[in-house]
Amino acid sequence: MAEFENPYAEHDPFVRAHFDCPDCGGKLWEYAIQGSMVCEDCRSVFRSEDVFDAQVRSDEPVTG
């Protein structure tokens, strides 16, 4: 059987993002494999793309 490395088996798939939750202000964690972010406080889930776009247009709220 061939051997291969699986980086997801050795590392935590969640990475703390540098964004605040638009619902409660908690910190968002990014689950890049699924392209989503989850708040550590209220557990709301957002698409990463929506959070990035809202950051660019910082005056528009992000909807989950």
Protein backbone atom coordinates (compact mmCIF):
# COMPACT_ATOMS: atom_id res chain seq x y z
CA MET A 1 0.00 0.00 0.00
CA ALA A 2 1.30 3.45 -0.88
CA GLU A 3 1.99 5.87 1.96
CA PHE A 4 1.06 9.52 1.86
CA GLU A 5 0.91 12.42 4.27
CA ASN A 6 -2.44 13.82 5.33
CA PRO A 7 -1.88 17.31 6.79
CA TYR A 8 -5.45 17.38 8.12
CA ALA A 9 -4.83 14.33 10.30
CA GLU A 10 -1.93 16.04 12.10
CA HIS A 11 -3.15 19.62 12.43
CA ASP A 12 -6.28 21.31 13.73
CA PRO A 13 -8.40 22.28 10.68
CA PHE A 14 -9.62 25.44 12.42
CA VAL A 15 -7.59 28.64 12.19
CA ARG A 16 -8.44 31.78 14.16
CA ALA A 17 -9.34 34.44 11.66
CA HIS A 18 -8.70 38.13 12.17
CA PHE A 19 -12.37 39.01 12.01
CA ASP A 20 -15.05 39.73 14.58
CA CYS A 21 -18.49 38.14 14.43
CA PRO A 22 -21.00 40.59 12.96
CA ASP A 23 -23.74 39.13 15.20
CA CYS A 24 -22.11 39.26 18.64
CA GLY A 25 -18.56 40.61 18.25
CA GLY A 26 -16.87 37.29 19.17
CA LYS A 27 -13.84 36.00 17.31
CA LEU A 28 -14.31 33.98 14.14
CA TRP A 29 -12.54 30.70 13.44
CA GLU A 30 -12.08 29.68 9.80
CA TYR A 31 -12.69 26.14 8.63
CA ALA A 32 -10.97 26.60 5.27
CA ILE A 33 -11.80 23.15 3.92
CA GLN A 34 -15.47 24.08 3.83
CA GLY A 35 -14.91 27.77 3.13
CA SER A 36 -16.74 28.87 6.25
CA MET A 37 -16.16 30.68 9.54
CA VAL A 38 -17.76 30.00 12.91
CA CYS A 39 -18.00 32.33 15.91
CA GLU A 40 -16.42 31.03 19.11
CA ASP A 41 -19.14 32.68 21.23
CA CYS A 42 -22.53 32.46 19.50
CA ARG A 43 -21.61 29.63 17.05
CA SER A 44 -23.03 31.48 14.06
CA VAL A 45 -21.66 30.22 10.75
CA PHE A 46 -20.70 32.48 7.83
CA ARG A 47 -19.26 31.82 4.40
CA SER A 48 -15.62 32.98 4.35
CA GLU A 49 -16.24 34.76 1.07
CA ASP A 50 -19.05 36.83 2.63
CA VAL A 51 -16.85 37.83 5.58
CA PHE A 52 -14.00 38.85 3.28
CA ASP A 53 -16.34 40.84 1.02
CA ALA A 54 -17.91 42.61 4.02
CA GLN A 55 -14.44 43.52 5.27
CA VAL A 56 -13.73 45.18 1.94
CA ARG A 57 -17.06 47.02 2.10
CA SER A 58 -16.76 47.56 5.86
CA ASP A 59 -20.00 49.52 6.03
CA GLU A 60 -22.21 46.55 5.00
CA PRO A 61 -23.31 43.94 7.57
CA VAL A 62 -22.60 40.24 6.96
CA THR A 63 -25.61 37.96 6.88
CA GLY A 64 -25.27 34.24 7.74
